[in-house]
Amino acid sequence: MKQYLKLELLIELPADLEVELIKPPTPQVNHPIIVEPEKIIVDSDKKMTMTVDEIAEKLQVSTTTIYTMVRQNEIPHIKVRGRILFYRPTIEKWLMNTE
């Protein structure tokens, strides 16, 4: 997961200098993403992470298979305090690239 550092720069400008602040464009959210073959749908109402049980159900495999795939780094995952989690957008991209 990427991490970003926000920096603030304070500069004292001369009083007679005209400055125009430009705001970056706000990202637009498109329609939900539908991914084949398992049709995992990303929606703003759904969680961003999935557990081992949830991913096993979506992929229609056993939890043992998921644990094996995690151990062999065959599926993208993260570990948070001993829990294995799957970031939904990353899994969708992985499914699109896996045949």
N, C-alpha and C. Protein backbone atom coordinates (compact mmCIF):
# COMPACT_ATOMS: atom_id res chain seq x y z
N MET A 1 0.84 -1.16 0.00
CA MET A 1 0.00 0.00 0.00
C MET A 1 0.89 1.23 0.00
N LYS A 2 0.57 2.18 -0.86
CA LYS A 2 1.37 3.39 -0.95
C LYS A 2 1.08 4.30 0.23
N GLN A 3 2.11 4.99 0.69
CA GLN A 3 1.96 5.97 1.74
C GLN A 3 2.43 7.32 1.19
N TYR A 4 1.74 8.34 1.58
CA TYR A 4 2.06 9.67 1.09
C TYR A 4 2.41 10.58 2.25
N LEU A 5 3.28 11.53 1.98
CA LEU A 5 3.70 12.51 2.98
C LEU A 5 3.20 13.87 2.53
N LYS A 6 2.45 14.53 3.38
CA LYS A 6 1.93 15.86 3.07
C LYS A 6 2.86 16.91 3.65
N LEU A 7 3.33 17.78 2.80
CA LEU A 7 4.23 18.85 3.23
C LEU A 7 3.54 20.19 3.07
N GLU A 8 3.73 21.05 4.02
CA GLU A 8 3.22 22.41 3.93
C GLU A 8 4.41 23.35 3.84
N LEU A 9 4.34 24.27 2.92
CA LEU A 9 5.43 25.22 2.70
C LEU A 9 4.91 26.62 3.01
N LEU A 10 5.54 27.28 3.96
CA LEU A 10 5.16 28.64 4.33
C LEU A 10 6.20 29.60 3.78
N ILE A 11 5.73 30.52 2.93
CA ILE A 11 6.62 31.49 2.31
C ILE A 11 6.05 32.88 2.55
N GLU A 12 6.88 33.80 2.94
CA GLU A 12 6.45 35.18 3.11
C GLU A 12 6.61 35.89 1.78
N LEU A 13 5.49 36.39 1.25
CA LEU A 13 5.49 37.04 -0.06
C LEU A 13 5.39 38.55 0.11
N PRO A 14 5.94 39.29 -0.83
CA PRO A 14 5.80 40.75 -0.79
C PRO A 14 4.32 41.14 -0.89
N ALA A 15 3.93 42.22 -0.27
CA ALA A 15 2.53 42.65 -0.22
C ALA A 15 1.99 43.01 -1.60
N ASP A 16 2.83 43.50 -2.51
CA ASP A 16 2.36 43.94 -3.82
C ASP A 16 2.31 42.80 -4.85
N LEU A 17 2.63 41.59 -4.47
CA LEU A 17 2.64 40.45 -5.38
C LEU A 17 1.24 39.84 -5.45
N GLU A 18 0.75 39.64 -6.68
CA GLU A 18 -0.56 39.03 -6.87
C GLU A 18 -0.37 37.51 -6.99
N VAL A 19 -1.12 36.77 -6.20
CA VAL A 19 -0.99 35.31 -6.18
C VAL A 19 -2.36 34.70 -6.43
N GLU A 20 -2.39 33.70 -7.29
CA GLU A 20 -3.63 32.97 -7.56
C GLU A 20 -3.41 31.52 -7.13
N LEU A 21 -4.25 31.04 -6.24
CA LEU A 21 -4.16 29.67 -5.78
C LEU A 21 -4.96 28.77 -6.71
N ILE A 22 -4.34 27.69 -7.11
CA ILE A 22 -5.00 26.74 -8.01
C ILE A 22 -5.22 25.45 -7.24
N LYS A 23 -6.47 25.03 -7.16
CA LYS A 23 -6.79 23.78 -6.48
C LYS A 23 -6.71 22.63 -7.48
N PRO A 24 -6.19 21.48 -7.04
CA PRO A 24 -6.16 20.33 -7.94
C PRO A 24 -7.58 19.85 -8.22
N PRO A 25 -7.80 19.26 -9.38
CA PRO A 25 -9.15 18.78 -9.70
C PRO A 25 -9.55 17.66 -8.75
N THR A 26 -10.81 17.64 -8.40
CA THR A 26 -11.31 16.58 -7.52
C THR A 26 -11.57 15.33 -8.35
N PRO A 27 -11.14 14.17 -7.85
CA PRO A 27 -11.36 12.95 -8.62
C PRO A 27 -12.85 12.63 -8.69
N GLN A 28 -13.27 12.16 -9.85
CA GLN A 28 -14.66 11.78 -10.04
C GLN A 28 -14.79 10.28 -9.91
N VAL A 29 -15.81 9.86 -9.18
CA VAL A 29 -16.04 8.44 -8.98
C VAL A 29 -16.93 7.94 -10.11
N ASN A 30 -16.46 6.94 -10.80
CA ASN A 30 -17.24 6.34 -11.89
C ASN A 30 -18.21 5.33 -11.32
N HIS A 31 -18.88 4.68 -12.19
CA HIS A 31 -19.82 3.64 -11.79
C HIS A 31 -19.08 2.50 -11.11
N PRO A 32 -19.81 1.65 -10.36
CA PRO A 32 -19.15 0.51 -9.72
C PRO A 32 -18.40 -0.35 -10.74
N ILE A 33 -17.30 -0.96 -10.31
CA ILE A 33 -16.49 -1.80 -11.17
C ILE A 33 -16.99 -3.23 -11.06
N ILE A 34 -17.27 -3.83 -12.20
CA ILE A 34 -17.70 -5.22 -12.20
C ILE A 34 -16.58 -6.04 -12.81
N VAL A 35 -16.09 -7.04 -12.08
CA VAL A 35 -14.95 -7.84 -12.51
C VAL A 35 -15.40 -9.26 -12.78
N GLU A 36 -15.04 -9.78 -13.91
CA GLU A 36 -15.29 -11.18 -14.24
C GLU A 36 -14.08 -11.98 -13.83
N PRO A 37 -14.08 -13.24 -13.54
CA PRO A 37 -15.20 -14.15 -13.68
C PRO A 37 -16.05 -14.25 -12.43
N GLU A 38 -15.60 -13.71 -11.33
CA GLU A 38 -16.30 -13.92 -10.06
C GLU A 38 -17.30 -12.83 -9.75
N LYS A 39 -17.33 -11.78 -10.57
CA LYS A 39 -18.28 -10.69 -10.41
C LYS A 39 -18.25 -10.06 -9.02
N ILE A 40 -17.06 -9.71 -8.57
CA ILE A 40 -16.93 -8.97 -7.33
C ILE A 40 -17.23 -7.52 -7.67
N ILE A 41 -18.18 -6.93 -7.02
CA ILE A 41 -18.62 -5.58 -7.35
C ILE A 41 -18.13 -4.62 -6.27
N VAL A 42 -17.40 -3.57 -6.70
CA VAL A 42 -16.95 -2.55 -5.76
C VAL A 42 -18.03 -1.49 -5.71
N ASP A 43 -18.47 -1.21 -4.54
CA ASP A 43 -19.53 -0.23 -4.33
C ASP A 43 -19.12 0.61 -3.13
N SER A 44 -19.57 1.83 -3.08
CA SER A 44 -19.18 2.68 -1.96
C SER A 44 -19.73 2.16 -0.63
N ASP A 45 -20.76 1.31 -0.67
CA ASP A 45 -21.35 0.76 0.55
C ASP A 45 -20.59 -0.46 1.06
N LYS A 46 -19.73 -1.06 0.24
CA LYS A 46 -19.04 -2.28 0.64
C LYS A 46 -17.72 -1.97 1.31
N LYS A 47 -17.23 -2.94 2.10
CA LYS A 47 -15.94 -2.80 2.77
C LYS A 47 -14.82 -2.81 1.74
N MET A 48 -13.72 -2.15 2.08
CA MET A 48 -12.56 -2.11 1.19
C MET A 48 -11.67 -3.33 1.37
N THR A 49 -11.79 -4.02 2.51
CA THR A 49 -10.99 -5.22 2.73
C THR A 49 -11.89 -6.43 2.89
N MET A 50 -11.31 -7.59 2.61
CA MET A 50 -12.03 -8.84 2.74
C MET A 50 -11.21 -9.78 3.61
N THR A 51 -11.90 -10.64 4.35
CA THR A 51 -11.23 -11.63 5.19
C THR A 51 -10.98 -12.90 4.39
N VAL A 52 -10.28 -13.85 5.01
CA VAL A 52 -10.01 -15.14 4.35
C VAL A 52 -11.33 -15.84 4.02
N ASP A 53 -12.26 -15.84 4.96
CA ASP A 53 -13.55 -16.49 4.72
C ASP A 53 -14.31 -15.83 3.57
N GLU A 54 -14.30 -14.50 3.53
CA GLU A 54 -15.02 -13.78 2.47
C GLU A 54 -14.41 -14.03 1.10
N ILE A 55 -13.09 -14.02 1.02
CA ILE A 55 -12.45 -14.23 -0.28
C ILE A 55 -12.61 -15.67 -0.74
N ALA A 56 -12.58 -16.61 0.20
CA ALA A 56 -12.79 -18.02 -0.16
C ALA A 56 -14.19 -18.21 -0.71
N GLU A 57 -15.16 -17.56 -0.11
CA GLU A 57 -16.53 -17.66 -0.60
C GLU A 57 -16.67 -17.05 -1.99
N LYS A 58 -16.09 -15.88 -2.20
CA LYS A 58 -16.17 -15.21 -3.51
C LYS A 58 -15.49 -16.01 -4.61
N LEU A 59 -14.35 -16.61 -4.29
CA LEU A 59 -13.60 -17.38 -5.28
C LEU A 59 -14.07 -18.84 -5.37
N GLN A 60 -14.97 -19.22 -4.47
CA GLN A 60 -15.53 -20.57 -4.42
C GLN A 60 -14.44 -21.63 -4.24
N VAL A 61 -13.56 -21.36 -3.28
CA VAL A 61 -12.52 -22.32 -2.89
C VAL A 61 -12.54 -22.42 -1.37
N SER A 62 -11.80 -23.37 -0.83
CA SER A 62 -11.76 -23.54 0.62
C SER A 62 -10.83 -22.51 1.26
N THR A 63 -11.02 -22.30 2.55
CA THR A 63 -10.12 -21.40 3.28
C THR A 63 -8.71 -21.96 3.31
N THR A 64 -8.59 -23.29 3.31
CA THR A 64 -7.26 -23.92 3.27
C THR A 64 -6.52 -23.52 1.99
N THR A 65 -7.25 -23.47 0.87
CA THR A 65 -6.65 -23.06 -0.39
C THR A 65 -6.17 -21.61 -0.31
N ILE A 66 -6.96 -20.76 0.30
CA ILE A 66 -6.58 -19.35 0.44
C ILE A 66 -5.34 -19.22 1.31
N TYR A 67 -5.30 -19.95 2.45
CA TYR A 67 -4.12 -19.90 3.32
C TYR A 67 -2.87 -20.39 2.58
N THR A 68 -3.02 -21.42 1.76
CA THR A 68 -1.89 -21.93 0.97
C THR A 68 -1.43 -20.88 -0.03
N MET A 69 -2.38 -20.23 -0.70
CA MET A 69 -2.03 -19.18 -1.67
C MET A 69 -1.32 -18.01 -0.98
N VAL A 70 -1.76 -17.66 0.22
CA VAL A 70 -1.11 -16.58 0.98
C VAL A 70 0.31 -16.98 1.34
N ARG A 71 0.47 -18.20 1.85
CA ARG A 71 1.79 -18.68 2.27
C ARG A 71 2.78 -18.69 1.10
N GLN A 72 2.28 -19.01 -0.11
CA GLN A 72 3.13 -19.07 -1.29
C GLN A 72 3.14 -17.77 -2.09
N ASN A 73 2.57 -16.70 -1.51
CA ASN A 73 2.49 -15.39 -2.16
C ASN A 73 1.86 -15.46 -3.55
N GLU A 74 0.82 -16.27 -3.69
CA GLU A 74 0.13 -16.38 -4.98
C GLU A 74 -1.04 -15.42 -5.09
N ILE A 75 -1.44 -14.81 -3.98
CA ILE A 75 -2.56 -13.89 -3.98
C ILE A 75 -2.15 -12.64 -3.19
N PRO A 76 -2.48 -11.45 -3.69
CA PRO A 76 -2.09 -10.23 -2.96
C PRO A 76 -2.84 -10.11 -1.64
N HIS A 77 -2.11 -9.83 -0.59
CA HIS A 77 -2.71 -9.74 0.73
C HIS A 77 -1.88 -8.82 1.62
N ILE A 78 -2.45 -8.46 2.77
CA ILE A 78 -1.72 -7.72 3.79
C ILE A 78 -1.99 -8.40 5.12
N LYS A 79 -1.07 -8.23 6.05
CA LYS A 79 -1.27 -8.76 7.40
C LYS A 79 -1.34 -7.59 8.36
N VAL A 80 -2.42 -7.55 9.13
CA VAL A 80 -2.61 -6.51 10.13
C VAL A 80 -2.81 -7.18 11.47
N ARG A 81 -1.82 -7.02 12.35
CA ARG A 81 -1.87 -7.62 13.69
C ARG A 81 -2.23 -9.11 13.64
N GLY A 82 -1.60 -9.81 12.73
CA GLY A 82 -1.80 -11.25 12.64
C GLY A 82 -2.97 -11.68 11.78
N ARG A 83 -3.81 -10.72 11.37
CA ARG A 83 -4.95 -11.06 10.51
C ARG A 83 -4.56 -10.89 9.05
N ILE A 84 -5.02 -11.80 8.22
CA ILE A 84 -4.77 -11.71 6.79
C ILE A 84 -5.96 -11.02 6.16
N LEU A 85 -5.69 -9.92 5.45
CA LEU A 85 -6.74 -9.17 4.79
C LEU A 85 -6.42 -9.01 3.32
N PHE A 86 -7.46 -8.83 2.53
CA PHE A 86 -7.33 -8.67 1.09
C PHE A 86 -7.99 -7.34 0.72
N TYR A 87 -7.24 -6.47 0.05
CA TYR A 87 -7.74 -5.17 -0.37
C TYR A 87 -8.56 -5.39 -1.64
N ARG A 88 -9.85 -5.10 -1.57
CA ARG A 88 -10.79 -5.44 -2.65
C ARG A 88 -10.34 -4.94 -4.03
N PRO A 89 -9.94 -3.66 -4.21
CA PRO A 89 -9.49 -3.22 -5.55
C PRO A 89 -8.28 -3.99 -6.06
N THR A 90 -7.35 -4.34 -5.17
CA THR A 90 -6.17 -5.10 -5.59
C THR A 90 -6.57 -6.50 -6.03
N ILE A 91 -7.50 -7.12 -5.32
CA ILE A 91 -7.98 -8.45 -5.70
C ILE A 91 -8.67 -8.39 -7.05
N GLU A 92 -9.45 -7.35 -7.30
CA GLU A 92 -10.13 -7.22 -8.60
C GLU A 92 -9.13 -7.12 -9.74
N LYS A 93 -8.08 -6.31 -9.55
CA LYS A 93 -7.04 -6.19 -10.58
C LYS A 93 -6.34 -7.54 -10.77
N TRP A 94 -6.06 -8.22 -9.66
CA TRP A 94 -5.40 -9.53 -9.71
C TRP A 94 -6.27 -10.53 -10.48
N LEU A 95 -7.56 -10.52 -10.24
CA LEU A 95 -8.46 -11.43 -10.94
C LEU A 95 -8.50 -11.14 -12.45
N MET A 96 -8.44 -9.87 -12.81
CA MET A 96 -8.47 -9.52 -14.23
C MET A 96 -7.19 -9.97 -14.94
N ASN A 97 -6.07 -10.00 -14.23
CA ASN A 97 -4.79 -10.39 -14.81
C ASN A 97 -4.49 -11.87 -14.70
N THR A 98 -5.31 -12.62 -13.95
CA THR A 98 -5.09 -14.04 -13.75
C THR A 98 -5.98 -14.82 -14.71
N GLU A 99 -5.41 -15.81 -15.33
CA GLU A 99 -6.21 -16.65 -16.25
C GLU A 99 -6.30 -18.04 -15.73
